[in-house]
Amino acid sequence: MRRLTLSLFATILLLAGSAINVAAVSDHPPVLRVPVMPKIPPELRKEGAVKGYAVIEFSIRADGSVTNPRVVKSSNSKFGQAAMEAVLRWKYSPGIKNGHPVVAKTEQRLEYDLTNDSTPAQN
């Protein structure tokens, strides 16, 4: 069974598991409603990359959609790309400031671990 964990990479801890630019959001931060897990490229196992991570920076629009994702750092560029594509599909309840939805910037660390995966690598 593949295990993919989302872990925090930031100075601000929130229930949504993200670091939010607090200057942009004062009433309450965005809340992740629809997470999409990255599809782990099968070649990672072939390459022996059974564990890894990617740090993705992105903005959350006032409508709760994600925009401008970019890989800040990753243990493997293939997973970084997969993580970025997944984050682009996430949906949030937007952050609120002065009673209005606002744009917020965030950074998220995604990790994968294939050590307990009994599924053979695809050719």
PDB file of N, CA and C in Angstrom:
ATOM      1  N   MET A   1       0.839  -1.184   0.000  1.00  0.00           N
ATOM      2  CA  MET A   1       0.000   0.000   0.000  1.00  0.00           C
ATOM      3  C   MET A   1       0.878   1.238   0.000  1.00  0.00           C
ATOM      4  N   ARG A   2       0.626   2.137  -0.908  1.00  0.00           N
ATOM      5  CA  ARG A   2       1.408   3.362  -0.957  1.00  0.00           C
ATOM      6  C   ARG A   2       0.982   4.270   0.176  1.00  0.00           C
ATOM      7  N   ARG A   3       1.954   4.918   0.762  1.00  0.00           N
ATOM      8  CA  ARG A   3       1.655   5.865   1.829  1.00  0.00           C
ATOM      9  C   ARG A   3       2.188   7.212   1.403  1.00  0.00           C
ATOM     10  N   LEU A   4       1.310   8.180   1.344  1.00  0.00           N
ATOM     11  CA  LEU A   4       1.699   9.538   0.994  1.00  0.00           C
ATOM     12  C   LEU A   4       1.241  10.420   2.132  1.00  0.00           C
ATOM     13  N   THR A   5       2.163  11.143   2.699  1.00  0.00           N
ATOM     14  CA  THR A   5       1.800  12.004   3.812  1.00  0.00           C
ATOM     15  C   THR A   5       2.022  13.448   3.428  1.00  0.00           C
ATOM     16  N   LEU A   6       1.163  14.295   3.959  1.00  0.00           N
ATOM     17  CA  LEU A   6       1.338  15.726   3.817  1.00  0.00           C
ATOM     18  C   LEU A   6       1.877  16.206   5.145  1.00  0.00           C
ATOM     19  N   SER A   7       2.965  16.924   5.121  1.00  0.00           N
ATOM     20  CA  SER A   7       3.495  17.437   6.373  1.00  0.00           C
ATOM     21  C   SER A   7       3.788  18.919   6.236  1.00  0.00           C
ATOM     22  N   LEU A   8       3.849  19.564   7.360  1.00  0.00           N
ATOM     23  CA  LEU A   8       3.959  21.004   7.403  1.00  0.00           C
ATOM     24  C   LEU A   8       5.371  21.479   7.122  1.00  0.00           C
ATOM     25  N   PHE A   9       5.504  22.546   6.342  1.00  0.00           N
ATOM     26  CA  PHE A   9       6.775  23.192   6.102  1.00  0.00           C
ATOM     27  C   PHE A   9       6.541  24.685   6.213  1.00  0.00           C
ATOM     28  N   ALA A  10       6.643  25.210   7.433  1.00  0.00           N
ATOM     29  CA  ALA A  10       6.427  26.636   7.604  1.00  0.00           C
ATOM     30  C   ALA A  10       6.568  27.022   9.055  1.00  0.00           C
ATOM     31  N   THR A  11       6.433  28.286   9.299  1.00  0.00           N
ATOM     32  CA  THR A  11       6.524  28.770  10.665  1.00  0.00           C
ATOM     33  C   THR A  11       5.165  28.904  11.317  1.00  0.00           C
ATOM     34  N   ILE A  12       4.112  28.895  10.537  1.00  0.00           N
ATOM     35  CA  ILE A  12       2.768  29.054  11.055  1.00  0.00           C
ATOM     36  C   ILE A  12       2.028  27.740  10.886  1.00  0.00           C
ATOM     37  N   LEU A  13       1.531  27.173  11.962  1.00  0.00           N
ATOM     38  CA  LEU A  13       0.814  25.915  11.890  1.00  0.00           C
ATOM     39  C   LEU A  13      -0.683  26.189  11.840  1.00  0.00           C
ATOM     40  N   LEU A  14      -1.338  25.595  10.869  1.00  0.00           N
ATOM     41  CA  LEU A  14      -2.777  25.759  10.734  1.00  0.00           C
ATOM     42  C   LEU A  14      -3.428  24.400  10.586  1.00  0.00           C
ATOM     43  N   LEU A  15      -4.693  24.312  10.890  1.00  0.00           N
ATOM     44  CA  LEU A  15      -5.409  23.056  10.744  1.00  0.00           C
ATOM     45  C   LEU A  15      -5.394  22.548   9.314  1.00  0.00           C
ATOM     46  N   ALA A  16      -5.334  23.440   8.349  1.00  0.00           N
ATOM     47  CA  ALA A  16      -5.317  23.024   6.952  1.00  0.00           C
ATOM     48  C   ALA A  16      -3.974  22.439   6.544  1.00  0.00           C
ATOM     49  N   GLY A  17      -2.972  22.534   7.391  1.00  0.00           N
ATOM     50  CA  GLY A  17      -1.670  21.977   7.072  1.00  0.00           C
ATOM     51  C   GLY A  17      -0.851  22.851   6.159  1.00  0.00           C
ATOM     52  N   SER A  18      -1.078  24.151   6.188  1.00  0.00           N
ATOM     53  CA  SER A  18      -0.351  25.062   5.325  1.00  0.00           C
ATOM     54  C   SER A  18       0.203  26.230   6.110  1.00  0.00           C
ATOM     55  N   ALA A  19       1.157  26.894   5.515  1.00  0.00           N
ATOM     56  CA  ALA A  19       1.681  28.143   6.065  1.00  0.00           C
ATOM     57  C   ALA A  19       1.060  29.253   5.245  1.00  0.00           C
ATOM     58  N   ILE A  20       0.389  30.147   5.905  1.00  0.00           N
ATOM     59  CA  ILE A  20      -0.326  31.205   5.205  1.00  0.00           C
ATOM     60  C   ILE A  20       0.325  32.535   5.505  1.00  0.00           C
ATOM     61  N   ASN A  21       0.403  33.389   4.517  1.00  0.00           N
ATOM     62  CA  ASN A  21       0.890  34.743   4.697  1.00  0.00           C
ATOM     63  C   ASN A  21      -0.128  35.484   5.560  1.00  0.00           C
ATOM     64  N   VAL A  22       0.191  35.646   6.834  1.00  0.00           N
ATOM     65  CA  VAL A  22      -0.759  36.193   7.794  1.00  0.00           C
ATOM     66  C   VAL A  22      -1.106  37.635   7.493  1.00  0.00           C
ATOM     67  N   ALA A  23      -0.221  38.385   6.872  1.00  0.00           N
ATOM     68  CA  ALA A  23      -0.508  39.778   6.538  1.00  0.00           C
ATOM     69  C   ALA A  23      -1.710  39.872   5.602  1.00  0.00           C
ATOM     70  N   ALA A  24      -1.915  38.847   4.793  1.00  0.00           N
ATOM     71  CA  ALA A  24      -3.012  38.864   3.832  1.00  0.00           C
ATOM     72  C   ALA A  24      -4.320  38.359   4.433  1.00  0.00           C
ATOM     73  N   VAL A  25      -4.250  37.611   5.528  1.00  0.00           N
ATOM     74  CA  VAL A  25      -5.440  36.979   6.081  1.00  0.00           C
ATOM     75  C   VAL A  25      -5.487  37.230   7.579  1.00  0.00           C
ATOM     76  N   SER A  26      -6.460  38.032   8.039  1.00  0.00           N
ATOM     77  CA  SER A  26      -6.493  38.302   9.472  1.00  0.00           C
ATOM     78  C   SER A  26      -7.684  37.676  10.170  1.00  0.00           C
ATOM     79  N   ASP A  27      -8.864  37.643   9.535  1.00  0.00           N
ATOM     80  CA  ASP A  27     -10.040  37.094  10.192  1.00  0.00           C
ATOM     81  C   ASP A  27      -9.917  35.583  10.355  1.00  0.00           C
ATOM     82  N   HIS A  28      -9.647  34.887   9.272  1.00  0.00           N
ATOM     83  CA  HIS A  28      -9.300  33.463   9.361  1.00  0.00           C
ATOM     84  C   HIS A  28      -8.633  33.003   8.068  1.00  0.00           C
ATOM     85  N   PRO A  29      -7.747  32.028   8.208  1.00  0.00           N
ATOM     86  CA  PRO A  29      -6.965  31.550   7.057  1.00  0.00           C
ATOM     87  C   PRO A  29      -7.783  30.624   6.160  1.00  0.00           C
ATOM     88  N   PRO A  30      -7.285  30.377   4.960  1.00  0.00           N
ATOM     89  CA  PRO A  30      -7.935  29.399   4.090  1.00  0.00           C
ATOM     90  C   PRO A  30      -7.918  28.016   4.739  1.00  0.00           C
ATOM     91  N   VAL A  31      -8.913  27.204   4.385  1.00  0.00           N
ATOM     92  CA  VAL A  31      -9.000  25.834   4.901  1.00  0.00           C
ATOM     93  C   VAL A  31      -9.066  24.894   3.708  1.00  0.00           C
ATOM     94  N   LEU A  32      -8.167  23.923   3.682  1.00  0.00           N
ATOM     95  CA  LEU A  32      -8.143  22.949   2.600  1.00  0.00           C
ATOM     96  C   LEU A  32      -9.382  22.063   2.686  1.00  0.00           C
ATOM     97  N   ARG A  33     -10.159  22.034   1.605  1.00  0.00           N
ATOM     98  CA  ARG A  33     -11.403  21.249   1.550  1.00  0.00           C
ATOM     99  C   ARG A  33     -11.279  20.029   0.649  1.00  0.00           C
ATOM    100  N   VAL A  34     -10.544  20.163  -0.450  1.00  0.00           N
ATOM    101  CA  VAL A  34     -10.419  19.064  -1.414  1.00  0.00           C
ATOM    102  C   VAL A  34      -8.949  18.842  -1.732  1.00  0.00           C
ATOM    103  N   PRO A  35      -8.290  17.957  -0.955  1.00  0.00           N
ATOM    104  CA  PRO A  35      -6.902  17.639  -1.292  1.00  0.00           C
ATOM    105  C   PRO A  35      -6.861  16.575  -2.395  1.00  0.00           C
ATOM    106  N   VAL A  36      -5.899  16.671  -3.262  1.00  0.00           N
ATOM    107  CA  VAL A  36      -5.669  15.671  -4.303  1.00  0.00           C
ATOM    108  C   VAL A  36      -4.250  15.178  -4.119  1.00  0.00           C
ATOM    109  N   MET A  37      -4.089  13.879  -3.939  1.00  0.00           N
ATOM    110  CA  MET A  37      -2.759  13.316  -3.738  1.00  0.00           C
ATOM    111  C   MET A  37      -2.015  13.207  -5.069  1.00  0.00           C
ATOM    112  N   PRO A  38      -0.732  13.485  -5.054  1.00  0.00           N
ATOM    113  CA  PRO A  38       0.053  13.354  -6.289  1.00  0.00           C
ATOM    114  C   PRO A  38       0.119  11.905  -6.754  1.00  0.00           C
ATOM    115  N   LYS A  39       0.162  11.740  -8.055  1.00  0.00           N
ATOM    116  CA  LYS A  39       0.393  10.408  -8.622  1.00  0.00           C
ATOM    117  C   LYS A  39       1.897  10.208  -8.614  1.00  0.00           C
ATOM    118  N   ILE A  40       2.335   9.224  -7.869  1.00  0.00           N
ATOM    119  CA  ILE A  40       3.766   8.984  -7.735  1.00  0.00           C
ATOM    120  C   ILE A  40       4.266   8.294  -9.004  1.00  0.00           C
ATOM    121  N   PRO A  41       5.194   8.922  -9.717  1.00  0.00           N
ATOM    122  CA  PRO A  41       5.711   8.323 -10.951  1.00  0.00           C
ATOM    123  C   PRO A  41       6.326   6.946 -10.678  1.00  0.00           C
ATOM    124  N   PRO A  42       5.927   5.913 -11.435  1.00  0.00           N
ATOM    125  CA  PRO A  42       6.426   4.557 -11.188  1.00  0.00           C
ATOM    126  C   PRO A  42       7.937   4.432 -11.333  1.00  0.00           C
ATOM    127  N   GLU A  43       8.556   5.297 -12.113  1.00  0.00           N
ATOM    128  CA  GLU A  43      10.011   5.204 -12.301  1.00  0.00           C
ATOM    129  C   GLU A  43      10.789   5.553 -11.032  1.00  0.00           C
ATOM    130  N   LEU A  44      10.133   6.188 -10.065  1.00  0.00           N
ATOM    131  CA  LEU A  44      10.835   6.503  -8.816  1.00  0.00           C
ATOM    132  C   LEU A  44      11.279   5.223  -8.112  1.00  0.00           C
ATOM    133  N   ARG A  45      10.422   4.212  -8.116  1.00  0.00           N
ATOM    134  CA  ARG A  45      10.798   2.934  -7.496  1.00  0.00           C
ATOM    135  C   ARG A  45      11.941   2.293  -8.269  1.00  0.00           C
ATOM    136  N   LYS A  46      11.860   2.335  -9.597  1.00  0.00           N
ATOM    137  CA  LYS A  46      12.913   1.752 -10.421  1.00  0.00           C
ATOM    138  C   LYS A  46      14.257   2.420 -10.133  1.00  0.00           C
ATOM    139  N   GLU A  47      14.200   3.736  -9.870  1.00  0.00           N
ATOM    140  CA  GLU A  47      15.421   4.489  -9.575  1.00  0.00           C
ATOM    141  C   GLU A  47      15.871   4.316  -8.131  1.00  0.00           C
ATOM    142  N   GLY A  48      15.074   3.602  -7.327  1.00  0.00           N
ATOM    143  CA  GLY A  48      15.423   3.410  -5.926  1.00  0.00           C
ATOM    144  C   GLY A  48      15.032   4.566  -5.031  1.00  0.00           C
ATOM    145  N   ALA A  49      14.210   5.485  -5.533  1.00  0.00           N
ATOM    146  CA  ALA A  49      13.777   6.643  -4.749  1.00  0.00           C
ATOM    147  C   ALA A  49      12.502   6.276  -3.998  1.00  0.00           C
ATOM    148  N   VAL A  50      12.626   5.491  -2.921  1.00  0.00           N
ATOM    149  CA  VAL A  50      11.445   5.002  -2.208  1.00  0.00           C
ATOM    150  C   VAL A  50      10.870   6.016  -1.224  1.00  0.00           C
ATOM    151  N   LYS A  51      11.618   7.044  -0.906  1.00  0.00           N
ATOM    152  CA  LYS A  51      11.131   8.111  -0.040  1.00  0.00           C
ATOM    153  C   LYS A  51      11.552   9.442  -0.642  1.00  0.00           C
ATOM    154  N   GLY A  52      10.717  10.443  -0.457  1.00  0.00           N
ATOM    155  CA  GLY A  52      11.082  11.751  -0.960  1.00  0.00           C
ATOM    156  C   GLY A  52      10.068  12.801  -0.585  1.00  0.00           C
ATOM    157  N   TYR A  53      10.297  14.002  -1.084  1.00  0.00           N
ATOM    158  CA  TYR A  53       9.440  15.128  -0.737  1.00  0.00           C
ATOM    159  C   TYR A  53       9.488  16.183  -1.831  1.00  0.00           C
ATOM    160  N   ALA A  54       8.538  17.087  -1.748  1.00  0.00           N
ATOM    161  CA  ALA A  54       8.533  18.286  -2.582  1.00  0.00           C
ATOM    162  C   ALA A  54       7.907  19.404  -1.764  1.00  0.00           C
ATOM    163  N   VAL A  55       8.477  20.586  -1.870  1.00  0.00           N
ATOM    164  CA  VAL A  55       7.921  21.774  -1.239  1.00  0.00           C
ATOM    165  C   VAL A  55       7.350  22.623  -2.367  1.00  0.00           C
ATOM    166  N   ILE A  56       6.053  22.900  -2.269  1.00  0.00           N
ATOM    167  CA  ILE A  56       5.353  23.648  -3.307  1.00  0.00           C
ATOM    168  C   ILE A  56       4.858  24.967  -2.725  1.00  0.00           C
ATOM    169  N   GLU A  57       5.149  26.044  -3.413  1.00  0.00           N
ATOM    170  CA  GLU A  57       4.635  27.365  -3.042  1.00  0.00           C
ATOM    171  C   GLU A  57       3.511  27.700  -4.016  1.00  0.00           C
ATOM    172  N   PHE A  58       2.439  28.287  -3.503  1.00  0.00           N
ATOM    173  CA  PHE A  58       1.320  28.638  -4.373  1.00  0.00           C
ATOM    174  C   PHE A  58       0.454  29.698  -3.706  1.00  0.00           C
ATOM    175  N   SER A  59      -0.471  30.239  -4.499  1.00  0.00           N
ATOM    176  CA  SER A  59      -1.442  31.206  -3.995  1.00  0.00           C
ATOM    177  C   SER A  59      -2.816  30.560  -3.989  1.00  0.00           C
ATOM    178  N   ILE A  60      -3.625  30.986  -3.039  1.00  0.00           N
ATOM    179  CA  ILE A  60      -5.015  30.548  -2.959  1.00  0.00           C
ATOM    180  C   ILE A  60      -5.863  31.776  -3.298  1.00  0.00           C
ATOM    181  N   ARG A  61      -6.614  31.673  -4.356  1.00  0.00           N
ATOM    182  CA  ARG A  61      -7.448  32.787  -4.812  1.00  0.00           C
ATOM    183  C   ARG A  61      -8.626  33.004  -3.866  1.00  0.00           C
ATOM    184  N   ALA A  62      -9.287  34.122  -4.034  1.00  0.00           N
ATOM    185  CA  ALA A  62     -10.459  34.442  -3.221  1.00  0.00           C
ATOM    186  C   ALA A  62     -11.605  33.459  -3.446  1.00  0.00           C
ATOM    187  N   ASP A  63     -11.586  32.733  -4.583  1.00  0.00           N
ATOM    188  CA  ASP A  63     -12.623  31.723  -4.823  1.00  0.00           C
ATOM    189  C   ASP A  63     -12.213  30.342  -4.296  1.00  0.00           C
ATOM    190  N   GLY A  64     -11.031  30.237  -3.690  1.00  0.00           N
ATOM    191  CA  GLY A  64     -10.569  28.977  -3.101  1.00  0.00           C
ATOM    192  C   GLY A  64      -9.765  28.094  -4.038  1.00  0.00           C
ATOM    193  N   SER A  65      -9.583  28.517  -5.274  1.00  0.00           N
ATOM    194  CA  SER A  65      -8.773  27.727  -6.209  1.00  0.00           C
ATOM    195  C   SER A  65      -7.293  28.073  -6.030  1.00  0.00           C
ATOM    196  N   VAL A  66      -6.445  27.196  -6.526  1.00  0.00           N
ATOM    197  CA  VAL A  66      -4.997  27.363  -6.412  1.00  0.00           C
ATOM    198  C   VAL A  66      -4.455  27.923  -7.715  1.00  0.00           C
ATOM    199  N   THR A  67      -3.490  28.828  -7.585  1.00  0.00           N
ATOM    200  CA  THR A  67      -2.852  29.410  -8.755  1.00  0.00           C
ATOM    201  C   THR A  67      -1.350  29.559  -8.510  1.00  0.00           C
ATOM    202  N   ASN A  68      -0.610  29.664  -9.575  1.00  0.00           N
ATOM    203  CA  ASN A  68       0.837  29.903  -9.551  1.00  0.00           C
ATOM    204  C   ASN A  68       1.636  28.931  -8.680  1.00  0.00           C
ATOM    205  N   PRO A  69       1.402  27.623  -8.815  1.00  0.00           N
ATOM    206  CA  PRO A  69       2.230  26.708  -8.032  1.00  0.00           C
ATOM    207  C   PRO A  69       3.646  26.657  -8.599  1.00  0.00           C
ATOM    208  N   ARG A  70       4.612  26.486  -7.722  1.00  0.00           N
ATOM    209  CA  ARG A  70       5.992  26.292  -8.179  1.00  0.00           C
ATOM    210  C   ARG A  70       6.716  25.422  -7.164  1.00  0.00           C
ATOM    211  N   VAL A  71       7.622  24.618  -7.673  1.00  0.00           N
ATOM    212  CA  VAL A  71       8.426  23.752  -6.812  1.00  0.00           C
ATOM    213  C   VAL A  71       9.539  24.595  -6.207  1.00  0.00           C
ATOM    214  N   VAL A  72       9.559  24.688  -4.896  1.00  0.00           N
ATOM    215  CA  VAL A  72      10.597  25.419  -4.188  1.00  0.00           C
ATOM    216  C   VAL A  72      11.806  24.517  -4.007  1.00  0.00           C
ATOM    217  N   LYS A  73      11.536  23.258  -3.675  1.00  0.00           N
ATOM    218  CA  LYS A  73      12.599  22.287  -3.416  1.00  0.00           C
ATOM    219  C   LYS A  73      11.989  20.897  -3.512  1.00  0.00           C
ATOM    220  N   SER A  74      12.763  19.936  -4.009  1.00  0.00           N
ATOM    221  CA  SER A  74      12.273  18.555  -4.037  1.00  0.00           C
ATOM    222  C   SER A  74      13.443  17.592  -4.037  1.00  0.00           C
ATOM    223  N   SER A  75      13.169  16.408  -3.539  1.00  0.00           N
ATOM    224  CA  SER A  75      14.199  15.374  -3.530  1.00  0.00           C
ATOM    225  C   SER A  75      14.330  14.734  -4.914  1.00  0.00           C
ATOM    226  N   ASN A  76      13.298  14.895  -5.749  1.00  0.00           N
ATOM    227  CA  ASN A  76      13.290  14.312  -7.086  1.00  0.00           C
ATOM    228  C   ASN A  76      12.404  15.186  -7.966  1.00  0.00           C
ATOM    229  N   SER A  77      12.924  15.633  -9.089  1.00  0.00           N
ATOM    230  CA  SER A  77      12.168  16.545  -9.946  1.00  0.00           C
ATOM    231  C   SER A  77      10.869  15.924 -10.467  1.00  0.00           C
ATOM    232  N   LYS A  78      10.859  14.604 -10.660  1.00  0.00           N
ATOM    233  CA  LYS A  78       9.636  13.949 -11.143  1.00  0.00           C
ATOM    234  C   LYS A  78       8.536  14.029 -10.093  1.00  0.00           C
ATOM    235  N   PHE A  79       8.890  13.810  -8.829  1.00  0.00           N
ATOM    236  CA  PHE A  79       7.885  13.937  -7.781  1.00  0.00           C
ATOM    237  C   PHE A  79       7.502  15.404  -7.591  1.00  0.00           C
ATOM    238  N   GLY A  80       8.455  16.302  -7.709  1.00  0.00           N
ATOM    239  CA  GLY A  80       8.152  17.722  -7.611  1.00  0.00           C
ATOM    240  C   GLY A  80       7.097  18.133  -8.625  1.00  0.00           C
ATOM    241  N   GLN A  81       7.233  17.671  -9.851  1.00  0.00           N
ATOM    242  CA  GLN A  81       6.261  17.976 -10.901  1.00  0.00           C
ATOM    243  C   GLN A  81       4.903  17.365 -10.575  1.00  0.00           C
ATOM    244  N   ALA A  82       4.895  16.104 -10.122  1.00  0.00           N
ATOM    245  CA  ALA A  82       3.635  15.440  -9.767  1.00  0.00           C
ATOM    246  C   ALA A  82       2.945  16.156  -8.606  1.00  0.00           C
ATOM    247  N   ALA A  83       3.720  16.588  -7.619  1.00  0.00           N
ATOM    248  CA  ALA A  83       3.160  17.300  -6.469  1.00  0.00           C
ATOM    249  C   ALA A  83       2.572  18.638  -6.913  1.00  0.00           C
ATOM    250  N   MET A  84       3.265  19.339  -7.774  1.00  0.00           N
ATOM    251  CA  MET A  84       2.787  20.626  -8.257  1.00  0.00           C
ATOM    252  C   MET A  84       1.472  20.457  -9.028  1.00  0.00           C
ATOM    253  N   GLU A  85       1.383  19.438  -9.865  1.00  0.00           N
ATOM    254  CA  GLU A  85       0.158  19.182 -10.621  1.00  0.00           C
ATOM    255  C   GLU A  85      -1.008  18.837  -9.691  1.00  0.00           C
ATOM    256  N   ALA A  86      -0.738  18.091  -8.624  1.00  0.00           N
ATOM    257  CA  ALA A  86      -1.794  17.742  -7.670  1.00  0.00           C
ATOM    258  C   ALA A  86      -2.269  18.969  -6.904  1.00  0.00           C
ATOM    259  N   VAL A  87      -1.344  19.776  -6.428  1.00  0.00           N
ATOM    260  CA  VAL A  87      -1.694  20.972  -5.655  1.00  0.00           C
ATOM    261  C   VAL A  87      -2.560  21.920  -6.490  1.00  0.00           C
ATOM    262  N   LEU A  88      -2.314  21.985  -7.764  1.00  0.00           N
ATOM    263  CA  LEU A  88      -3.096  22.844  -8.651  1.00  0.00           C
ATOM    264  C   LEU A  88      -4.577  22.442  -8.651  1.00  0.00           C
ATOM    265  N   ARG A  89      -4.871  21.204  -8.287  1.00  0.00           N
ATOM    266  CA  ARG A  89      -6.254  20.708  -8.257  1.00  0.00           C
ATOM    267  C   ARG A  89      -6.891  20.816  -6.868  1.00  0.00           C
ATOM    268  N   TRP A  90      -6.140  21.258  -5.853  1.00  0.00           N
ATOM    269  CA  TRP A  90      -6.695  21.420  -4.512  1.00  0.00           C
ATOM    270  C   TRP A  90      -7.738  22.532  -4.506  1.00  0.00           C
ATOM    271  N   LYS A  91      -8.702  22.411  -3.595  1.00  0.00           N
ATOM    272  CA  LYS A  91      -9.732  23.434  -3.411  1.00  0.00           C
ATOM    273  C   LYS A  91      -9.776  23.826  -1.936  1.00  0.00           C
ATOM    274  N   TYR A  92      -9.893  25.109  -1.692  1.00  0.00           N
ATOM    275  CA  TYR A  92      -9.915  25.672  -0.345  1.00  0.00           C
ATOM    276  C   TYR A  92     -11.196  26.458  -0.099  1.00  0.00           C
ATOM    277  N   SER A  93     -11.544  26.598   1.177  1.00  0.00           N
ATOM    278  CA  SER A  93     -12.436  27.678   1.583  1.00  0.00           C
ATOM    279  C   SER A  93     -11.488  28.856   1.709  1.00  0.00           C
ATOM    280  N   PRO A  94     -11.778  29.976   1.080  1.00  0.00           N
ATOM    281  CA  PRO A  94     -10.799  31.066   1.053  1.00  0.00           C
ATOM    282  C   PRO A  94     -10.574  31.700   2.419  1.00  0.00           C
ATOM    283  N   GLY A  95      -9.424  32.353   2.533  1.00  0.00           N
ATOM    284  CA  GLY A  95      -9.150  33.133   3.721  1.00  0.00           C
ATOM    285  C   GLY A  95     -10.063  34.351   3.737  1.00  0.00           C
ATOM    286  N   ILE A  96     -10.354  34.833   4.929  1.00  0.00           N
ATOM    287  CA  ILE A  96     -11.253  35.979   5.077  1.00  0.00           C
ATOM    288  C   ILE A  96     -10.528  37.092   5.827  1.00  0.00           C
ATOM    289  N   LYS A  97     -10.626  38.301   5.281  1.00  0.00           N
ATOM    290  CA  LYS A  97     -10.083  39.486   5.944  1.00  0.00           C
ATOM    291  C   LYS A  97     -11.145  40.576   5.876  1.00  0.00           C
ATOM    292  N   ASN A  98     -11.454  41.136   7.024  1.00  0.00           N
ATOM    293  CA  ASN A  98     -12.494  42.173   7.104  1.00  0.00           C
ATOM    294  C   ASN A  98     -13.799  41.712   6.472  1.00  0.00           C
ATOM    295  N   GLY A  99     -14.106  40.438   6.637  1.00  0.00           N
ATOM    296  CA  GLY A  99     -15.363  39.897   6.136  1.00  0.00           C
ATOM    297  C   GLY A  99     -15.399  39.558   4.662  1.00  0.00           C
ATOM    298  N   HIS A 100     -14.253  39.685   3.953  1.00  0.00           N
ATOM    299  CA  HIS A 100     -14.212  39.425   2.513  1.00  0.00           C
ATOM    300  C   HIS A 100     -13.162  38.370   2.180  1.00  0.00           C
ATOM    301  N   PRO A 101     -13.436  37.508   1.186  1.00  0.00           N
ATOM    302  CA  PRO A 101     -12.440  36.535   0.737  1.00  0.00           C
ATOM    303  C   PRO A 101     -11.217  37.251   0.166  1.00  0.00           C
ATOM    304  N   VAL A 102     -10.023  36.714   0.458  1.00  0.00           N
ATOM    305  CA  VAL A 102      -8.779  37.321  -0.019  1.00  0.00           C
ATOM    306  C   VAL A 102      -7.841  36.265  -0.581  1.00  0.00           C
ATOM    307  N   VAL A 103      -6.869  36.734  -1.336  1.00  0.00           N
ATOM    308  CA  VAL A 103      -5.803  35.884  -1.851  1.00  0.00           C
ATOM    309  C   VAL A 103      -4.788  35.650  -0.730  1.00  0.00           C
ATOM    310  N   ALA A 104      -4.268  34.444  -0.630  1.00  0.00           N
ATOM    311  CA  ALA A 104      -3.245  34.127   0.374  1.00  0.00           C
ATOM    312  C   ALA A 104      -2.149  33.298  -0.281  1.00  0.00           C
ATOM    313  N   LYS A 105      -0.905  33.523   0.122  1.00  0.00           N
ATOM    314  CA  LYS A 105       0.227  32.714  -0.355  1.00  0.00           C
ATOM    315  C   LYS A 105       0.528  31.662   0.697  1.00  0.00           C
ATOM    316  N   THR A 106       0.964  30.509   0.239  1.00  0.00           N
ATOM    317  CA  THR A 106       1.271  29.420   1.156  1.00  0.00           C
ATOM    318  C   THR A 106       2.388  28.553   0.590  1.00  0.00           C
ATOM    319  N   GLU A 107       2.958  27.743   1.440  1.00  0.00           N
ATOM    320  CA  GLU A 107       3.998  26.782   1.070  1.00  0.00           C
ATOM    321  C   GLU A 107       3.638  25.471   1.748  1.00  0.00           C
ATOM    322  N   GLN A 108       3.689  24.371   0.999  1.00  0.00           N
ATOM    323  CA  GLN A 108       3.291  23.064   1.531  1.00  0.00           C
ATOM    324  C   GLN A 108       4.351  22.025   1.191  1.00  0.00           C
ATOM    325  N   ARG A 109       4.694  21.221   2.171  1.00  0.00           N
ATOM    326  CA  ARG A 109       5.625  20.112   1.954  1.00  0.00           C
ATOM    327  C   ARG A 109       4.812  18.830   1.817  1.00  0.00           C
ATOM    328  N   LEU A 110       5.028  18.099   0.723  1.00  0.00           N
ATOM    329  CA  LEU A 110       4.386  16.816   0.495  1.00  0.00           C
ATOM    330  C   LEU A 110       5.474  15.756   0.508  1.00  0.00           C
ATOM    331  N   GLU A 111       5.199  14.640   1.158  1.00  0.00           N
ATOM    332  CA  GLU A 111       6.174  13.552   1.245  1.00  0.00           C
ATOM    333  C   GLU A 111       5.564  12.260   0.733  1.00  0.00           C
ATOM    334  N   TYR A 112       6.414  11.387   0.203  1.00  0.00           N
ATOM    335  CA  TYR A 112       5.958  10.059  -0.180  1.00  0.00           C
ATOM    336  C   TYR A 112       6.896   9.018   0.411  1.00  0.00           C
ATOM    337  N   ASP A 113       6.352   7.833   0.619  1.00  0.00           N
ATOM    338  CA  ASP A 113       7.105   6.724   1.193  1.00  0.00           C
ATOM    339  C   ASP A 113       6.590   5.439   0.566  1.00  0.00           C
ATOM    340  N   LEU A 114       7.405   4.799  -0.246  1.00  0.00           N
ATOM    341  CA  LEU A 114       7.022   3.564  -0.922  1.00  0.00           C
ATOM    342  C   LEU A 114       7.585   2.326  -0.239  1.00  0.00           C
ATOM    343  N   THR A 115       8.170   2.479   0.939  1.00  0.00           N
ATOM    344  CA  THR A 115       8.813   1.335   1.589  1.00  0.00           C
ATOM    345  C   THR A 115       7.830   0.245   1.985  1.00  0.00           C
ATOM    346  N   ASN A 116       6.567   0.580   2.207  1.00  0.00           N
ATOM    347  CA  ASN A 116       5.552  -0.416   2.570  1.00  0.00           C
ATOM    348  C   ASN A 116       4.681  -0.793   1.394  1.00  0.00           C
ATOM    349  N   ASP A 117       5.055  -0.392   0.208  1.00  0.00           N
ATOM    350  CA  ASP A 117       4.285  -0.672  -0.995  1.00  0.00           C
ATOM    351  C   ASP A 117       4.698  -2.027  -1.547  1.00  0.00           C
ATOM    352  N   SER A 118       3.755  -2.971  -1.575  1.00  0.00           N
ATOM    353  CA  SER A 118       4.071  -4.319  -2.069  1.00  0.00           C
ATOM    354  C   SER A 118       3.768  -4.454  -3.557  1.00  0.00           C
ATOM    355  N   THR A 119       3.259  -3.403  -4.178  1.00  0.00           N
ATOM    356  CA  THR A 119       2.957  -3.439  -5.602  1.00  0.00           C
ATOM    357  C   THR A 119       4.253  -3.362  -6.404  1.00  0.00           C
ATOM    358  N   PRO A 120       4.482  -4.307  -7.322  1.00  0.00           N
ATOM    359  CA  PRO A 120       5.709  -4.238  -8.115  1.00  0.00           C
ATOM    360  C   PRO A 120       5.723  -3.010  -9.026  1.00  0.00           C
ATOM    361  N   ALA A 121       6.907  -2.498  -9.300  1.00  0.00           N
ATOM    362  CA  ALA A 121       7.052  -1.352 -10.188  1.00  0.00           C
ATOM    363  C   ALA A 121       6.590  -1.723 -11.580  1.00  0.00           C
ATOM    364  N   GLN A 122       5.940  -0.813 -12.264  1.00  0.00           N
ATOM    365  CA  GLN A 122       5.473  -1.023 -13.634  1.00  0.00           C
ATOM    366  C   GLN A 122       6.644  -0.878 -14.599  1.00  0.00           C
ATOM    367  N   ASN A 123       6.654  -1.659 -15.649  1.00  0.00           N
ATOM    368  CA  ASN A 123       7.702  -1.532 -16.671  1.00  0.00           C
ATOM    369  C   ASN A 123       7.298  -0.552 -17.727  1.00  0.00           C
TER     370      ASN A 123
END
